[in-house]
Each structure stands twice: as structure tokens, then as C-alpha cells.
Amino acid sequence: MAKGKEKTRARRKRIHKNIRQTIQGSSIRPRLSVYRSNKYIYAQLIDDWAGHTLASASTRDDNIDAEDPVGASHEVGRILAERAKDAGIERAVFDRSGYKYHGRVKALAEGAREGGLHL
């Protein structure tokens, strides 16, 4: 069983490396990076040129009120979009970090779009 997990992780790392070669965040249009664990989901807006995180949100925040993981991810995206607006950010580049654009990752992106962030 461990062999399958290692293979999956290696595949995701390879895909993420290829994605990162094509997209890059700036202060005007930062990169929305997603990290998904089994229990939580994290999202950050990153300025790659300066090496700074401009805004972040996760399901570990206290103000997340959802019963299912997909709903919680949607809420994280919406909260991140609000924090981005407060920081003066309207547009971002979506970095799915090698995860499939499905389920929680898709819900986070849709929540960010609903919150007013242009991806």
C-alpha cells in the first residue's frame, strides 16, 4: 500500500513542478496556492517576486462554518477573496499544486470567484 502512496505523491510533485514553470505570481496578480491535506485545506496569495504571502485562509480558521469538506473549502475561498480585497488585490493566478481540479480544490476556486477574486 505504501508504494501506491509514494507513487501518487511523486506524480503530484512532478505535475506541480510543471505547473510552477508556467505560472508566477506578482504583487499585481499573485499566485493563489492551494495545499490540501486529508483534514484541512489551506490557500495563500503569494507574490513570487518578493517572496511574500499577501493573504491566507484555511479551514483551521475559527470563522469557518460548514458541515462537509467541500462546503468548508468553498467558504475558505470566499474568505480569502475578502482578505484579498482588503489587501487591494482583485486578480490572481490559480495554482492547483498538482491536485486535480475537482472536489475541494474546485470548490475553493469557485468560492474565491464568488467572493470577487478574478482567477
C-alpha atoms as a PDB file:
ATOM      1  CA  MET A   1       0.000   0.000   0.000  1.00  0.00           C
ATOM      2  CA  ALA A   2       2.824   2.423   0.778  1.00  0.00           C
ATOM      3  CA  LYS A   3       4.156   2.030  -2.735  1.00  0.00           C
ATOM      4  CA  GLY A   4       0.918   3.428  -4.169  1.00  0.00           C
ATOM      5  CA  LYS A   5       1.010   6.484  -1.892  1.00  0.00           C
ATOM      6  CA  GLU A   6       4.625   7.209  -2.793  1.00  0.00           C
ATOM      7  CA  LYS A   7       3.764   6.931  -6.469  1.00  0.00           C
ATOM      8  CA  THR A   8       0.805   9.294  -6.070  1.00  0.00           C
ATOM      9  CA  ARG A   9       2.907  11.846  -4.180  1.00  0.00           C
ATOM     10  CA  ALA A  10       5.672  11.670  -6.782  1.00  0.00           C
ATOM     11  CA  ARG A  11       3.127  12.192  -9.576  1.00  0.00           C
ATOM     12  CA  ARG A  12       1.639  15.234  -7.811  1.00  0.00           C
ATOM     13  CA  LYS A  13       5.123  16.715  -7.221  1.00  0.00           C
ATOM     14  CA  ARG A  14       6.011  16.236 -10.902  1.00  0.00           C
ATOM     15  CA  ILE A  15       2.776  17.883 -12.059  1.00  0.00           C
ATOM     16  CA  HIS A  16       3.244  20.737  -9.549  1.00  0.00           C
ATOM     17  CA  LYS A  17       6.788  21.348 -10.810  1.00  0.00           C
ATOM     18  CA  ASN A  18       5.500  21.628 -14.389  1.00  0.00           C
ATOM     19  CA  ILE A  19       2.714  23.998 -13.328  1.00  0.00           C
ATOM     20  CA  ARG A  20       5.188  26.212 -11.450  1.00  0.00           C
ATOM     21  CA  GLN A  21       7.364  26.516 -14.558  1.00  0.00           C
ATOM     22  CA  THR A  22       4.495  28.170 -16.405  1.00  0.00           C
ATOM     23  CA  ILE A  23       2.854  30.403 -13.770  1.00  0.00           C
ATOM     24  CA  GLN A  24       4.348  33.011 -11.486  1.00  0.00           C
ATOM     25  CA  GLY A  25       2.746  35.416  -9.059  1.00  0.00           C
ATOM     26  CA  SER A  26       3.479  39.123  -8.782  1.00  0.00           C
ATOM     27  CA  SER A  27       2.295  41.894  -6.493  1.00  0.00           C
ATOM     28  CA  ILE A  28      -0.306  42.925  -9.086  1.00  0.00           C
ATOM     29  CA  ARG A  29      -1.508  39.379  -9.839  1.00  0.00           C
ATOM     30  CA  PRO A  30      -0.360  36.989  -7.077  1.00  0.00           C
ATOM     31  CA  ARG A  31      -0.439  33.204  -7.219  1.00  0.00           C
ATOM     32  CA  LEU A  32      -3.286  31.526  -5.331  1.00  0.00           C
ATOM     33  CA  SER A  33      -1.589  28.401  -3.998  1.00  0.00           C
ATOM     34  CA  VAL A  34      -3.632  25.513  -2.584  1.00  0.00           C
ATOM     35  CA  TYR A  35      -2.486  22.820  -0.155  1.00  0.00           C
ATOM     36  CA  ARG A  36      -4.887  20.022   0.625  1.00  0.00           C
ATOM     37  CA  SER A  37      -4.398  17.577   3.476  1.00  0.00           C
ATOM     38  CA  ASN A  38      -6.806  14.827   4.473  1.00  0.00           C
ATOM     39  CA  LYS A  39      -8.339  17.003   7.176  1.00  0.00           C
ATOM     40  CA  TYR A  40      -7.776  20.655   6.169  1.00  0.00           C
ATOM     41  CA  ILE A  41      -7.309  22.873   3.121  1.00  0.00           C
ATOM     42  CA  TYR A  42      -5.047  25.921   3.011  1.00  0.00           C
ATOM     43  CA  ALA A  43      -4.882  28.760   0.474  1.00  0.00           C
ATOM     44  CA  GLN A  44      -2.374  31.584   0.118  1.00  0.00           C
ATOM     45  CA  LEU A  45      -1.903  34.532  -2.205  1.00  0.00           C
ATOM     46  CA  ILE A  46       1.837  34.679  -2.897  1.00  0.00           C
ATOM     47  CA  ASP A  47       3.995  37.335  -4.544  1.00  0.00           C
ATOM     48  CA  ASP A  48       6.781  35.163  -6.003  1.00  0.00           C
ATOM     49  CA  TRP A  49       8.968  38.094  -6.999  1.00  0.00           C
ATOM     50  CA  ALA A  50       9.192  39.445  -3.442  1.00  0.00           C
ATOM     51  CA  GLY A  51       8.729  36.063  -1.756  1.00  0.00           C
ATOM     52  CA  HIS A  52       5.850  37.254   0.450  1.00  0.00           C
ATOM     53  CA  THR A  53       2.454  35.873   1.353  1.00  0.00           C
ATOM     54  CA  LEU A  54      -0.095  38.648   0.844  1.00  0.00           C
ATOM     55  CA  ALA A  55      -3.197  36.895   2.247  1.00  0.00           C
ATOM     56  CA  SER A  56      -4.114  33.448   3.506  1.00  0.00           C
ATOM     57  CA  ALA A  57      -7.052  31.394   4.745  1.00  0.00           C
ATOM     58  CA  SER A  58      -7.633  27.815   5.830  1.00  0.00           C
ATOM     59  CA  THR A  59     -10.255  25.517   7.285  1.00  0.00           C
ATOM     60  CA  ARG A  60      -8.405  25.791  10.596  1.00  0.00           C
ATOM     61  CA  ASP A  61      -9.676  29.377  10.974  1.00  0.00           C
ATOM     62  CA  ASP A  62     -12.359  29.853  13.629  1.00  0.00           C
ATOM     63  CA  ASN A  63     -14.912  31.532  11.352  1.00  0.00           C
ATOM     64  CA  ILE A  64     -15.369  28.537   9.010  1.00  0.00           C
ATOM     65  CA  ASP A  65     -18.885  27.191   9.444  1.00  0.00           C
ATOM     66  CA  ALA A  66     -19.569  24.231   7.147  1.00  0.00           C
ATOM     67  CA  GLU A  67     -20.516  20.642   7.752  1.00  0.00           C
ATOM     68  CA  ASP A  68     -18.857  18.991   4.750  1.00  0.00           C
ATOM     69  CA  PRO A  69     -15.271  19.410   3.468  1.00  0.00           C
ATOM     70  CA  VAL A  70     -16.390  20.746   0.069  1.00  0.00           C
ATOM     71  CA  GLY A  71     -18.562  23.418   1.706  1.00  0.00           C
ATOM     72  CA  ALA A  72     -15.703  24.355   4.029  1.00  0.00           C
ATOM     73  CA  SER A  73     -13.365  24.716   1.045  1.00  0.00           C
ATOM     74  CA  HIS A  74     -15.885  26.964  -0.690  1.00  0.00           C
ATOM     75  CA  GLU A  75     -16.035  29.106   2.458  1.00  0.00           C
ATOM     76  CA  VAL A  76     -12.207  29.305   2.582  1.00  0.00           C
ATOM     77  CA  GLY A  77     -12.160  30.598  -0.997  1.00  0.00           C
ATOM     78  CA  ARG A  78     -14.752  33.242  -0.197  1.00  0.00           C
ATOM     79  CA  ILE A  79     -12.883  34.386   2.931  1.00  0.00           C
ATOM     80  CA  LEU A  80      -9.593  34.518   1.009  1.00  0.00           C
ATOM     81  CA  ALA A  81     -11.245  36.724  -1.631  1.00  0.00           C
ATOM     82  CA  GLU A  82     -12.447  39.111   1.100  1.00  0.00           C
ATOM     83  CA  ARG A  83      -8.952  39.296   2.586  1.00  0.00           C
ATOM     84  CA  ALA A  84      -7.523  39.881  -0.890  1.00  0.00           C
ATOM     85  CA  LYS A  85      -9.908  42.796  -1.416  1.00  0.00           C
ATOM     86  CA  ASP A  86      -8.760  44.281   1.890  1.00  0.00           C
ATOM     87  CA  ALA A  87      -5.169  43.982   0.636  1.00  0.00           C
ATOM     88  CA  GLY A  88      -6.115  45.670  -2.669  1.00  0.00           C
ATOM     89  CA  ILE A  89      -5.887  42.532  -4.820  1.00  0.00           C
ATOM     90  CA  GLU A  90      -8.526  41.898  -7.482  1.00  0.00           C
ATOM     91  CA  ARG A  91      -6.853  39.330  -9.768  1.00  0.00           C
ATOM     92  CA  ALA A  92      -4.840  36.176  -9.134  1.00  0.00           C
ATOM     93  CA  VAL A  93      -3.311  33.192 -10.919  1.00  0.00           C
ATOM     94  CA  PHE A  94      -4.664  29.837  -9.707  1.00  0.00           C
ATOM     95  CA  ASP A  95      -2.049  27.236  -8.712  1.00  0.00           C
ATOM     96  CA  ARG A  96      -3.744  23.919  -8.007  1.00  0.00           C
ATOM     97  CA  SER A  97      -0.406  22.456  -6.800  1.00  0.00           C
ATOM     98  CA  GLY A  98      -0.737  19.270  -8.807  1.00  0.00           C
ATOM     99  CA  TYR A  99      -4.143  18.349  -7.377  1.00  0.00           C
ATOM    100  CA  LYS A 100      -6.976  17.552  -9.760  1.00  0.00           C
ATOM    101  CA  TYR A 101      -9.377  20.436 -10.344  1.00  0.00           C
ATOM    102  CA  HIS A 102     -12.189  18.561  -8.658  1.00  0.00           C
ATOM    103  CA  GLY A 103     -13.958  18.449  -5.307  1.00  0.00           C
ATOM    104  CA  ARG A 104     -12.383  20.613  -2.607  1.00  0.00           C
ATOM    105  CA  VAL A 105      -9.884  22.329  -4.925  1.00  0.00           C
ATOM    106  CA  LYS A 106     -12.639  23.275  -7.379  1.00  0.00           C
ATOM    107  CA  ALA A 107     -14.895  24.463  -4.531  1.00  0.00           C
ATOM    108  CA  LEU A 108     -12.113  26.721  -3.207  1.00  0.00           C
ATOM    109  CA  ALA A 109     -11.604  28.293  -6.651  1.00  0.00           C
ATOM    110  CA  GLU A 110     -15.343  28.827  -7.133  1.00  0.00           C
ATOM    111  CA  GLY A 111     -15.644  30.354  -3.667  1.00  0.00           C
ATOM    112  CA  ALA A 112     -12.810  32.773  -4.464  1.00  0.00           C
ATOM    113  CA  ARG A 113     -14.532  33.747  -7.709  1.00  0.00           C
ATOM    114  CA  GLU A 114     -17.828  34.276  -5.858  1.00  0.00           C
ATOM    115  CA  GLY A 115     -16.014  36.488  -3.380  1.00  0.00           C
ATOM    116  CA  GLY A 116     -14.875  38.741  -6.223  1.00  0.00           C
ATOM    117  CA  LEU A 117     -11.385  37.451  -6.992  1.00  0.00           C
ATOM    118  CA  HIS A 118     -10.744  37.096 -10.735  1.00  0.00           C
ATOM    119  CA  LEU A 119      -8.873  33.863 -11.465  1.00  0.00           C
END
